[in-house]
Amino acid sequence: MNYQHYRATTLGTTLQETLEEMIQSGEITQELANAVLQKYDKSVTNALSKKVTTKINFTAGRLQTYRFCDNVWTLILKDVEFRKGQEVLQVDAVKVVACLGKSD
């Protein structure tokens, strides 16, 4: 299962802009650009699932908004506190996007 939401990151938008320029100049086809984006989706999803091992706990003052659509949860949390060991970070708002993962 691959998700396209990583395309909204700085790396993802830069990749999409570069691919679009290459399509416009005739260097690549739309089909090749789509294949590159699908590979990007798989690679980022795989890297994050295998390489990121740090765990952070958080508590939210309140849940402002939530939505569940196409097996994707979107939550807007207000007055959130993140904790990693003794480190504490407080923020006014956080958007959480959670997708169903693969079951092995």
PDB file of N, CA and C in Angstrom:
ATOM      1  N   MET A   1       0.856  -1.174   0.000  1.00  0.00           N
ATOM      2  CA  MET A   1       0.000   0.000   0.000  1.00  0.00           C
ATOM      3  C   MET A   1       0.904   1.240   0.000  1.00  0.00           C
ATOM      4  N   ASN A   2       0.667   2.120  -0.929  1.00  0.00           N
ATOM      5  CA  ASN A   2       1.495   3.319  -1.045  1.00  0.00           C
ATOM      6  C   ASN A   2       0.612   4.549  -0.952  1.00  0.00           C
ATOM      7  N   TYR A   3       1.154   5.575  -0.390  1.00  0.00           N
ATOM      8  CA  TYR A   3       0.404   6.802  -0.182  1.00  0.00           C
ATOM      9  C   TYR A   3       1.076   7.955  -0.887  1.00  0.00           C
ATOM     10  N   GLN A   4       0.256   8.826  -1.438  1.00  0.00           N
ATOM     11  CA  GLN A   4       0.778   9.957  -2.188  1.00  0.00           C
ATOM     12  C   GLN A   4       0.948  11.195  -1.325  1.00  0.00           C
ATOM     13  N   HIS A   5       0.576  11.148  -0.039  1.00  0.00           N
ATOM     14  CA  HIS A   5       0.636  12.377   0.757  1.00  0.00           C
ATOM     15  C   HIS A   5       2.065  12.872   0.982  1.00  0.00           C
ATOM     16  N   TYR A   6       3.079  12.039   0.772  1.00  0.00           N
ATOM     17  CA  TYR A   6       4.458  12.511   0.904  1.00  0.00           C
ATOM     18  C   TYR A   6       4.861  13.406  -0.265  1.00  0.00           C
ATOM     19  N   ARG A   7       4.037  13.435  -1.305  1.00  0.00           N
ATOM     20  CA  ARG A   7       4.297  14.331  -2.427  1.00  0.00           C
ATOM     21  C   ARG A   7       4.109  15.790  -2.033  1.00  0.00           C
ATOM     22  N   ALA A   8       3.433  16.053  -0.928  1.00  0.00           N
ATOM     23  CA  ALA A   8       3.215  17.431  -0.461  1.00  0.00           C
ATOM     24  C   ALA A   8       4.414  17.958   0.331  1.00  0.00           C
ATOM     25  N   THR A   9       5.428  17.133   0.565  1.00  0.00           N
ATOM     26  CA  THR A   9       6.633  17.591   1.261  1.00  0.00           C
ATOM     27  C   THR A   9       7.472  18.444   0.303  1.00  0.00           C
ATOM     28  N   THR A  10       8.463  19.117   0.839  1.00  0.00           N
ATOM     29  CA  THR A  10       9.353  19.924  -0.005  1.00  0.00           C
ATOM     30  C   THR A  10      10.019  19.056  -1.068  1.00  0.00           C
ATOM     31  N   LEU A  11      10.490  17.892  -0.676  1.00  0.00           N
ATOM     32  CA  LEU A  11      11.130  16.986  -1.628  1.00  0.00           C
ATOM     33  C   LEU A  11      10.140  16.534  -2.699  1.00  0.00           C
ATOM     34  N   GLY A  12       8.939  16.181  -2.279  1.00  0.00           N
ATOM     35  CA  GLY A  12       7.925  15.725  -3.225  1.00  0.00           C
ATOM     36  C   GLY A  12       7.492  16.797  -4.212  1.00  0.00           C
ATOM     37  N   THR A  13       7.265  18.017  -3.725  1.00  0.00           N
ATOM     38  CA  THR A  13       6.849  19.087  -4.645  1.00  0.00           C
ATOM     39  C   THR A  13       7.983  19.464  -5.596  1.00  0.00           C
ATOM     40  N   THR A  14       9.212  19.447  -5.109  1.00  0.00           N
ATOM     41  CA  THR A  14      10.347  19.741  -5.982  1.00  0.00           C
ATOM     42  C   THR A  14      10.480  18.679  -7.068  1.00  0.00           C
ATOM     43  N   LEU A  15      10.304  17.422  -6.680  1.00  0.00           N
ATOM     44  CA  LEU A  15      10.349  16.339  -7.661  1.00  0.00           C
ATOM     45  C   LEU A  15       9.258  16.523  -8.711  1.00  0.00           C
ATOM     46  N   GLN A  16       8.045  16.821  -8.286  1.00  0.00           N
ATOM     47  CA  GLN A  16       6.942  17.008  -9.229  1.00  0.00           C
ATOM     48  C   GLN A  16       7.190  18.181 -10.173  1.00  0.00           C
ATOM     49  N   GLU A  17       7.722  19.282  -9.642  1.00  0.00           N
ATOM     50  CA  GLU A  17       8.028  20.441 -10.492  1.00  0.00           C
ATOM     51  C   GLU A  17       9.094  20.094 -11.525  1.00  0.00           C
ATOM     52  N   THR A  18      10.118  19.362 -11.101  1.00  0.00           N
ATOM     53  CA  THR A  18      11.191  18.971 -12.013  1.00  0.00           C
ATOM     54  C   THR A  18      10.666  18.041 -13.094  1.00  0.00           C
ATOM     55  N   LEU A  19       9.846  17.077 -12.715  1.00  0.00           N
ATOM     56  CA  LEU A  19       9.269  16.162 -13.698  1.00  0.00           C
ATOM     57  C   LEU A  19       8.384  16.918 -14.691  1.00  0.00           C
ATOM     58  N   GLU A  20       7.612  17.878 -14.197  1.00  0.00           N
ATOM     59  CA  GLU A  20       6.756  18.674 -15.081  1.00  0.00           C
ATOM     60  C   GLU A  20       7.588  19.468 -16.087  1.00  0.00           C
ATOM     61  N   GLU A  21       8.694  20.050 -15.632  1.00  0.00           N
ATOM     62  CA  GLU A  21       9.590  20.773 -16.545  1.00  0.00           C
ATOM     63  C   GLU A  21      10.154  19.834 -17.611  1.00  0.00           C
ATOM     64  N   MET A  22      10.502  18.620 -17.193  1.00  0.00           N
ATOM     65  CA  MET A  22      11.055  17.647 -18.136  1.00  0.00           C
ATOM     66  C   MET A  22      10.013  17.193 -19.147  1.00  0.00           C
ATOM     67  N   ILE A  23       8.771  17.077 -18.723  1.00  0.00           N
ATOM     68  CA  ILE A  23       7.683  16.733 -19.643  1.00  0.00           C
ATOM     69  C   ILE A  23       7.495  17.863 -20.653  1.00  0.00           C
ATOM     70  N   GLN A  24       7.446  19.095 -20.144  1.00  0.00           N
ATOM     71  CA  GLN A  24       7.232  20.258 -21.013  1.00  0.00           C
ATOM     72  C   GLN A  24       8.337  20.406 -22.054  1.00  0.00           C
ATOM     73  N   SER A  25       9.568  20.086 -21.673  1.00  0.00           N
ATOM     74  CA  SER A  25      10.685  20.219 -22.615  1.00  0.00           C
ATOM     75  C   SER A  25      10.834  18.989 -23.516  1.00  0.00           C
ATOM     76  N   GLY A  26      10.004  17.976 -23.293  1.00  0.00           N
ATOM     77  CA  GLY A  26      10.040  16.787 -24.136  1.00  0.00           C
ATOM     78  C   GLY A  26      11.103  15.783 -23.760  1.00  0.00           C
ATOM     79  N   GLU A  27      11.722  15.963 -22.597  1.00  0.00           N
ATOM     80  CA  GLU A  27      12.787  15.041 -22.176  1.00  0.00           C
ATOM     81  C   GLU A  27      12.242  13.692 -21.720  1.00  0.00           C
ATOM     82  N   ILE A  28      11.049  13.698 -21.109  1.00  0.00           N
ATOM     83  CA  ILE A  28      10.419  12.460 -20.654  1.00  0.00           C
ATOM     84  C   ILE A  28       8.926  12.503 -20.994  1.00  0.00           C
ATOM     85  N   THR A  29       8.294  11.344 -20.908  1.00  0.00           N
ATOM     86  CA  THR A  29       6.848  11.260 -21.147  1.00  0.00           C
ATOM     87  C   THR A  29       6.091  11.362 -19.826  1.00  0.00           C
ATOM     88  N   GLN A  30       4.799  11.608 -19.921  1.00  0.00           N
ATOM     89  CA  GLN A  30       3.945  11.644 -18.735  1.00  0.00           C
ATOM     90  C   GLN A  30       3.943  10.281 -18.040  1.00  0.00           C
ATOM     91  N   GLU A  31       3.979   9.213 -18.822  1.00  0.00           N
ATOM     92  CA  GLU A  31       3.990   7.862 -18.259  1.00  0.00           C
ATOM     93  C   GLU A  31       5.240   7.622 -17.414  1.00  0.00           C
ATOM     94  N   LEU A  32       6.386   8.097 -17.905  1.00  0.00           N
ATOM     95  CA  LEU A  32       7.624   7.940 -17.142  1.00  0.00           C
ATOM     96  C   LEU A  32       7.568   8.767 -15.862  1.00  0.00           C
ATOM     97  N   ALA A  33       7.043   9.974 -15.954  1.00  0.00           N
ATOM     98  CA  ALA A  33       6.903  10.821 -14.759  1.00  0.00           C
ATOM     99  C   ALA A  33       6.011  10.141 -13.729  1.00  0.00           C
ATOM    100  N   ASN A  34       4.915   9.547 -14.181  1.00  0.00           N
ATOM    101  CA  ASN A  34       4.020   8.831 -13.257  1.00  0.00           C
ATOM    102  C   ASN A  34       4.730   7.654 -12.597  1.00  0.00           C
ATOM    103  N   ALA A  35       5.548   6.940 -13.368  1.00  0.00           N
ATOM    104  CA  ALA A  35       6.300   5.807 -12.818  1.00  0.00           C
ATOM    105  C   ALA A  35       7.300   6.289 -11.764  1.00  0.00           C
ATOM    106  N   VAL A  36       7.952   7.417 -12.025  1.00  0.00           N
ATOM    107  CA  VAL A  36       8.907   7.977 -11.057  1.00  0.00           C
ATOM    108  C   VAL A  36       8.185   8.356  -9.770  1.00  0.00           C
ATOM    109  N   LEU A  37       7.021   8.990  -9.886  1.00  0.00           N
ATOM    110  CA  LEU A  37       6.259   9.383  -8.693  1.00  0.00           C
ATOM    111  C   LEU A  37       5.783   8.169  -7.897  1.00  0.00           C
ATOM    112  N   GLN A  38       5.379   7.116  -8.594  1.00  0.00           N
ATOM    113  CA  GLN A  38       4.966   5.902  -7.883  1.00  0.00           C
ATOM    114  C   GLN A  38       6.152   5.274  -7.155  1.00  0.00           C
ATOM    115  N   LYS A  39       7.321   5.287  -7.769  1.00  0.00           N
ATOM    116  CA  LYS A  39       8.528   4.766  -7.123  1.00  0.00           C
ATOM    117  C   LYS A  39       8.881   5.625  -5.905  1.00  0.00           C
ATOM    118  N   TYR A  40       8.739   6.945  -6.043  1.00  0.00           N
ATOM    119  CA  TYR A  40       8.968   7.861  -4.921  1.00  0.00           C
ATOM    120  C   TYR A  40       8.034   7.527  -3.759  1.00  0.00           C
ATOM    121  N   ASP A  41       6.744   7.340  -4.055  1.00  0.00           N
ATOM    122  CA  ASP A  41       5.771   6.998  -3.009  1.00  0.00           C
ATOM    123  C   ASP A  41       6.194   5.739  -2.261  1.00  0.00           C
ATOM    124  N   LYS A  42       6.559   4.701  -3.001  1.00  0.00           N
ATOM    125  CA  LYS A  42       6.976   3.438  -2.389  1.00  0.00           C
ATOM    126  C   LYS A  42       8.248   3.606  -1.569  1.00  0.00           C
ATOM    127  N   SER A  43       9.206   4.330  -2.123  1.00  0.00           N
ATOM    128  CA  SER A  43      10.495   4.487  -1.455  1.00  0.00           C
ATOM    129  C   SER A  43      10.377   5.261  -0.150  1.00  0.00           C
ATOM    130  N   VAL A  44       9.630   6.349  -0.151  1.00  0.00           N
ATOM    131  CA  VAL A  44       9.475   7.139   1.067  1.00  0.00           C
ATOM    132  C   VAL A  44       8.717   6.340   2.124  1.00  0.00           C
ATOM    133  N   THR A  45       7.647   5.696   1.722  1.00  0.00           N
ATOM    134  CA  THR A  45       6.876   4.883   2.665  1.00  0.00           C
ATOM    135  C   THR A  45       7.750   3.788   3.274  1.00  0.00           C
ATOM    136  N   ASN A  46       8.524   3.104   2.430  1.00  0.00           N
ATOM    137  CA  ASN A  46       9.409   2.032   2.892  1.00  0.00           C
ATOM    138  C   ASN A  46      10.498   2.572   3.819  1.00  0.00           C
ATOM    139  N   ALA A  47      11.128   3.663   3.434  1.00  0.00           N
ATOM    140  CA  ALA A  47      12.212   4.227   4.248  1.00  0.00           C
ATOM    141  C   ALA A  47      11.701   4.657   5.617  1.00  0.00           C
ATOM    142  N   LEU A  48      10.561   5.318   5.654  1.00  0.00           N
ATOM    143  CA  LEU A  48      10.035   5.767   6.939  1.00  0.00           C
ATOM    144  C   LEU A  48       9.637   4.597   7.832  1.00  0.00           C
ATOM    145  N   SER A  49       9.095   3.546   7.240  1.00  0.00           N
ATOM    146  CA  SER A  49       8.673   2.409   8.062  1.00  0.00           C
ATOM    147  C   SER A  49       9.858   1.615   8.607  1.00  0.00           C
ATOM    148  N   LYS A  50      10.991   1.631   7.906  1.00  0.00           N
ATOM    149  CA  LYS A  50      12.142   0.832   8.334  1.00  0.00           C
ATOM    150  C   LYS A  50      13.242   1.634   9.034  1.00  0.00           C
ATOM    151  N   LYS A  51      13.371   2.899   8.721  1.00  0.00           N
ATOM    152  CA  LYS A  51      14.505   3.679   9.218  1.00  0.00           C
ATOM    153  C   LYS A  51      14.180   4.535  10.444  1.00  0.00           C
ATOM    154  N   VAL A  52      12.940   4.947  10.593  1.00  0.00           N
ATOM    155  CA  VAL A  52      12.582   5.826  11.706  1.00  0.00           C
ATOM    156  C   VAL A  52      12.225   4.965  12.915  1.00  0.00           C
ATOM    157  N   THR A  53      13.017   5.112  13.984  1.00  0.00           N
ATOM    158  CA  THR A  53      12.790   4.280  15.168  1.00  0.00           C
ATOM    159  C   THR A  53      12.513   5.097  16.425  1.00  0.00           C
ATOM    160  N   THR A  54      12.628   6.409  16.354  1.00  0.00           N
ATOM    161  CA  THR A  54      12.395   7.250  17.521  1.00  0.00           C
ATOM    162  C   THR A  54      10.901   7.311  17.828  1.00  0.00           C
ATOM    163  N   LYS A  55      10.575   7.185  19.093  1.00  0.00           N
ATOM    164  CA  LYS A  55       9.185   7.280  19.518  1.00  0.00           C
ATOM    165  C   LYS A  55       8.999   8.542  20.353  1.00  0.00           C
ATOM    166  N   ILE A  56       7.914   9.234  20.077  1.00  0.00           N
ATOM    167  CA  ILE A  56       7.575  10.459  20.796  1.00  0.00           C
ATOM    168  C   ILE A  56       6.149  10.329  21.297  1.00  0.00           C
ATOM    169  N   ASN A  57       5.940  10.688  22.537  1.00  0.00           N
ATOM    170  CA  ASN A  57       4.584  10.701  23.099  1.00  0.00           C
ATOM    171  C   ASN A  57       4.025  12.107  22.997  1.00  0.00           C
ATOM    172  N   PHE A  58       2.715  12.198  22.816  1.00  0.00           N
ATOM    173  CA  PHE A  58       2.106  13.521  22.799  1.00  0.00           C
ATOM    174  C   PHE A  58       0.742  13.477  23.475  1.00  0.00           C
ATOM    175  N   THR A  59       0.367  14.613  24.014  1.00  0.00           N
ATOM    176  CA  THR A  59      -0.968  14.780  24.574  1.00  0.00           C
ATOM    177  C   THR A  59      -1.553  16.039  23.969  1.00  0.00           C
ATOM    178  N   ALA A  60      -2.841  15.989  23.713  1.00  0.00           N
ATOM    179  CA  ALA A  60      -3.518  17.132  23.102  1.00  0.00           C
ATOM    180  C   ALA A  60      -4.489  17.732  24.093  1.00  0.00           C
ATOM    181  N   GLY A  61      -4.527  19.055  24.103  1.00  0.00           N
ATOM    182  CA  GLY A  61      -5.504  19.748  24.929  1.00  0.00           C
ATOM    183  C   GLY A  61      -6.921  19.441  24.462  1.00  0.00           C
ATOM    184  N   ARG A  62      -7.088  19.456  23.131  1.00  0.00           N
ATOM    185  CA  ARG A  62      -8.410  19.125  22.585  1.00  0.00           C
ATOM    186  C   ARG A  62      -8.307  18.751  21.109  1.00  0.00           C
ATOM    187  N   LEU A  63      -9.278  17.997  20.673  1.00  0.00           N
ATOM    188  CA  LEU A  63      -9.415  17.620  19.278  1.00  0.00           C
ATOM    189  C   LEU A  63     -10.340  18.637  18.625  1.00  0.00           C
ATOM    190  N   GLN A  64      -9.810  19.410  17.680  1.00  0.00           N
ATOM    191  CA  GLN A  64     -10.630  20.448  17.054  1.00  0.00           C
ATOM    192  C   GLN A  64     -11.474  19.877  15.913  1.00  0.00           C
ATOM    193  N   THR A  65     -10.832  19.077  15.031  1.00  0.00           N
ATOM    194  CA  THR A  65     -11.522  18.550  13.855  1.00  0.00           C
ATOM    195  C   THR A  65     -11.019  17.147  13.569  1.00  0.00           C
ATOM    196  N   TYR A  66     -11.897  16.310  13.050  1.00  0.00           N
ATOM    197  CA  TYR A  66     -11.457  15.004  12.586  1.00  0.00           C
ATOM    198  C   TYR A  66     -12.255  14.615  11.352  1.00  0.00           C
ATOM    199  N   ARG A  67     -11.622  13.791  10.498  1.00  0.00           N
ATOM    200  CA  ARG A  67     -12.285  13.325   9.280  1.00  0.00           C
ATOM    201  C   ARG A  67     -11.702  11.964   8.932  1.00  0.00           C
ATOM    202  N   PHE A  68     -12.574  11.084   8.444  1.00  0.00           N
ATOM    203  CA  PHE A  68     -12.147   9.768   7.970  1.00  0.00           C
ATOM    204  C   PHE A  68     -12.695   9.591   6.559  1.00  0.00           C
ATOM    205  N   CYS A  69     -11.797   9.505   5.592  1.00  0.00           N
ATOM    206  CA  CYS A  69     -12.206   9.377   4.198  1.00  0.00           C
ATOM    207  C   CYS A  69     -11.212   8.490   3.471  1.00  0.00           C
ATOM    208  N   ASP A  70     -11.712   7.516   2.736  1.00  0.00           N
ATOM    209  CA  ASP A  70     -10.855   6.613   1.955  1.00  0.00           C
ATOM    210  C   ASP A  70      -9.758   5.975   2.799  1.00  0.00           C
ATOM    211  N   ASN A  71     -10.112   5.524   3.991  1.00  0.00           N
ATOM    212  CA  ASN A  71      -9.183   4.864   4.920  1.00  0.00           C
ATOM    213  C   ASN A  71      -8.051   5.769   5.391  1.00  0.00           C
ATOM    214  N   VAL A  72      -8.265   7.074   5.386  1.00  0.00           N
ATOM    215  CA  VAL A  72      -7.284   8.038   5.874  1.00  0.00           C
ATOM    216  C   VAL A  72      -7.939   8.905   6.944  1.00  0.00           C
ATOM    217  N   TRP A  73      -7.340   8.920   8.128  1.00  0.00           N
ATOM    218  CA  TRP A  73      -7.790   9.795   9.202  1.00  0.00           C
ATOM    219  C   TRP A  73      -7.019  11.101   9.131  1.00  0.00           C
ATOM    220  N   THR A  74      -7.724  12.210   9.263  1.00  0.00           N
ATOM    221  CA  THR A  74      -7.099  13.530   9.383  1.00  0.00           C
ATOM    222  C   THR A  74      -7.605  14.140  10.683  1.00  0.00           C
ATOM    223  N   LEU A  75      -6.684  14.499  11.569  1.00  0.00           N
ATOM    224  CA  LEU A  75      -7.026  15.067  12.873  1.00  0.00           C
ATOM    225  C   LEU A  75      -6.347  16.423  13.016  1.00  0.00           C
ATOM    226  N   ILE A  76      -7.065  17.398  13.537  1.00  0.00           N
ATOM    227  CA  ILE A  76      -6.480  18.690  13.892  1.00  0.00           C
ATOM    228  C   ILE A  76      -6.539  18.775  15.411  1.00  0.00           C
ATOM    229  N   LEU A  77      -5.367  18.809  16.041  1.00  0.00           N
ATOM    230  CA  LEU A  77      -5.260  18.840  17.495  1.00  0.00           C
ATOM    231  C   LEU A  77      -4.792  20.225  17.940  1.00  0.00           C
ATOM    232  N   LYS A  78      -5.335  20.712  19.033  1.00  0.00           N
ATOM    233  CA  LYS A  78      -4.954  22.023  19.583  1.00  0.00           C
ATOM    234  C   LYS A  78      -4.242  21.840  20.907  1.00  0.00           C
ATOM    235  N   ASP A  79      -3.334  22.770  21.225  1.00  0.00           N
ATOM    236  CA  ASP A  79      -2.596  22.776  22.486  1.00  0.00           C
ATOM    237  C   ASP A  79      -1.934  21.424  22.749  1.00  0.00           C
ATOM    238  N   VAL A  80      -1.002  21.076  21.881  1.00  0.00           N
ATOM    239  CA  VAL A  80      -0.370  19.754  21.910  1.00  0.00           C
ATOM    240  C   VAL A  80       0.998  19.845  22.589  1.00  0.00           C
ATOM    241  N   GLU A  81       1.302  18.820  23.384  1.00  0.00           N
ATOM    242  CA  GLU A  81       2.591  18.719  24.055  1.00  0.00           C
ATOM    243  C   GLU A  81       3.259  17.428  23.611  1.00  0.00           C
ATOM    244  N   PHE A  82       4.461  17.546  23.055  1.00  0.00           N
ATOM    245  CA  PHE A  82       5.248  16.394  22.630  1.00  0.00           C
ATOM    246  C   PHE A  82       6.330  16.140  23.670  1.00  0.00           C
ATOM    247  N   ARG A  83       6.579  14.843  23.976  1.00  0.00           N
ATOM    248  CA  ARG A  83       7.615  14.466  24.936  1.00  0.00           C
ATOM    249  C   ARG A  83       8.481  13.362  24.346  1.00  0.00           C
ATOM    250  N   LYS A  84       9.792  13.597  24.449  1.00  0.00           N
ATOM    251  CA  LYS A  84      10.782  12.574  24.094  1.00  0.00           C
ATOM    252  C   LYS A  84      11.779  12.572  25.230  1.00  0.00           C
ATOM    253  N   GLY A  85      11.660  11.605  26.106  1.00  0.00           N
ATOM    254  CA  GLY A  85      12.493  11.584  27.307  1.00  0.00           C
ATOM    255  C   GLY A  85      12.169  12.796  28.165  1.00  0.00           C
ATOM    256  N   GLN A  86      13.174  13.591  28.459  1.00  0.00           N
ATOM    257  CA  GLN A  86      12.977  14.796  29.266  1.00  0.00           C
ATOM    258  C   GLN A  86      12.648  16.029  28.418  1.00  0.00           C
ATOM    259  N   GLU A  87      12.781  15.916  27.100  1.00  0.00           N
ATOM    260  CA  GLU A  87      12.498  17.043  26.215  1.00  0.00           C
ATOM    261  C   GLU A  87      10.992  17.234  26.062  1.00  0.00           C
ATOM    262  N   VAL A  88      10.547  18.496  26.123  1.00  0.00           N
ATOM    263  CA  VAL A  88       9.129  18.812  25.966  1.00  0.00           C
ATOM    264  C   VAL A  88       8.992  19.935  24.955  1.00  0.00           C
ATOM    265  N   LEU A  89       8.071  19.772  24.034  1.00  0.00           N
ATOM    266  CA  LEU A  89       7.773  20.803  23.037  1.00  0.00           C
ATOM    267  C   LEU A  89       6.275  21.039  23.042  1.00  0.00           C
ATOM    268  N   GLN A  90       5.864  22.284  23.195  1.00  0.00           N
ATOM    269  CA  GLN A  90       4.447  22.629  23.184  1.00  0.00           C
ATOM    270  C   GLN A  90       4.145  23.429  21.924  1.00  0.00           C
ATOM    271  N   VAL A  91       3.060  23.050  21.244  1.00  0.00           N
ATOM    272  CA  VAL A  91       2.655  23.747  20.020  1.00  0.00           C
ATOM    273  C   VAL A  91       1.166  24.060  20.083  1.00  0.00           C
ATOM    274  N   ASP A  92       0.766  25.075  19.328  1.00  0.00           N
ATOM    275  CA  ASP A  92      -0.638  25.494  19.333  1.00  0.00           C
ATOM    276  C   ASP A  92      -1.536  24.513  18.589  1.00  0.00           C
ATOM    277  N   ALA A  93      -1.065  24.004  17.451  1.00  0.00           N
ATOM    278  CA  ALA A  93      -1.897  23.121  16.640  1.00  0.00           C
ATOM    279  C   ALA A  93      -1.037  22.136  15.864  1.00  0.00           C
ATOM    280  N   VAL A  94      -1.605  20.953  15.625  1.00  0.00           N
ATOM    281  CA  VAL A  94      -0.933  19.906  14.863  1.00  0.00           C
ATOM    282  C   VAL A  94      -1.956  19.234  13.968  1.00  0.00           C
ATOM    283  N   LYS A  95      -1.552  18.962  12.728  1.00  0.00           N
ATOM    284  CA  LYS A  95      -2.384  18.186  11.812  1.00  0.00           C
ATOM    285  C   LYS A  95      -1.775  16.797  11.712  1.00  0.00           C
ATOM    286  N   VAL A  96      -2.575  15.782  11.994  1.00  0.00           N
ATOM    287  CA  VAL A  96      -2.125  14.393  11.937  1.00  0.00           C
ATOM    288  C   VAL A  96      -2.866  13.708  10.801  1.00  0.00           C
ATOM    289  N   VAL A  97      -2.117  13.072   9.904  1.00  0.00           N
ATOM    290  CA  VAL A  97      -2.697  12.278   8.830  1.00  0.00           C
ATOM    291  C   VAL A  97      -2.252  10.841   9.058  1.00  0.00           C
ATOM    292  N   ALA A  98      -3.211   9.947   9.262  1.00  0.00           N
ATOM    293  CA  ALA A  98      -2.896   8.547   9.571  1.00  0.00           C
ATOM    294  C   ALA A  98      -3.587   7.640   8.568  1.00  0.00           C
ATOM    295  N   CYS A  99      -2.801   6.706   8.023  1.00  0.00           N
ATOM    296  CA  CYS A  99      -3.308   5.775   7.014  1.00  0.00           C
ATOM    297  C   CYS A  99      -3.194   4.358   7.518  1.00  0.00           C
ATOM    298  N   LEU A 100      -4.012   3.488   6.986  1.00  0.00           N
ATOM    299  CA  LEU A 100      -3.916   2.082   7.323  1.00  0.00           C
ATOM    300  C   LEU A 100      -2.592   1.538   6.801  1.00  0.00           C
ATOM    301  N   GLY A 101      -1.907   0.779   7.613  1.00  0.00           N
ATOM    302  CA  GLY A 101      -0.629   0.200   7.218  1.00  0.00           C
ATOM    303  C   GLY A 101      -0.797  -1.222   6.757  1.00  0.00           C
ATOM    304  N   LYS A 102       0.283  -1.787   6.242  1.00  0.00           N
ATOM    305  CA  LYS A 102       0.256  -3.184   5.830  1.00  0.00           C
ATOM    306  C   LYS A 102       0.228  -4.067   7.070  1.00  0.00           C
ATOM    307  N   SER A 103      -0.534  -5.120   7.021  1.00  0.00           N
ATOM    308  CA  SER A 103      -0.480  -6.113   8.098  1.00  0.00           C
ATOM    309  C   SER A 103       0.349  -7.279   7.590  1.00  0.00           C
ATOM    310  N   ASP A 104       1.424  -7.560   8.309  1.00  0.00           N
ATOM    311  CA  ASP A 104       2.344  -8.624   7.874  1.00  0.00           C
ATOM    312  C   ASP A 104       1.931  -9.947   8.433  1.00  0.00           C
TER     313      ASP A 104
END
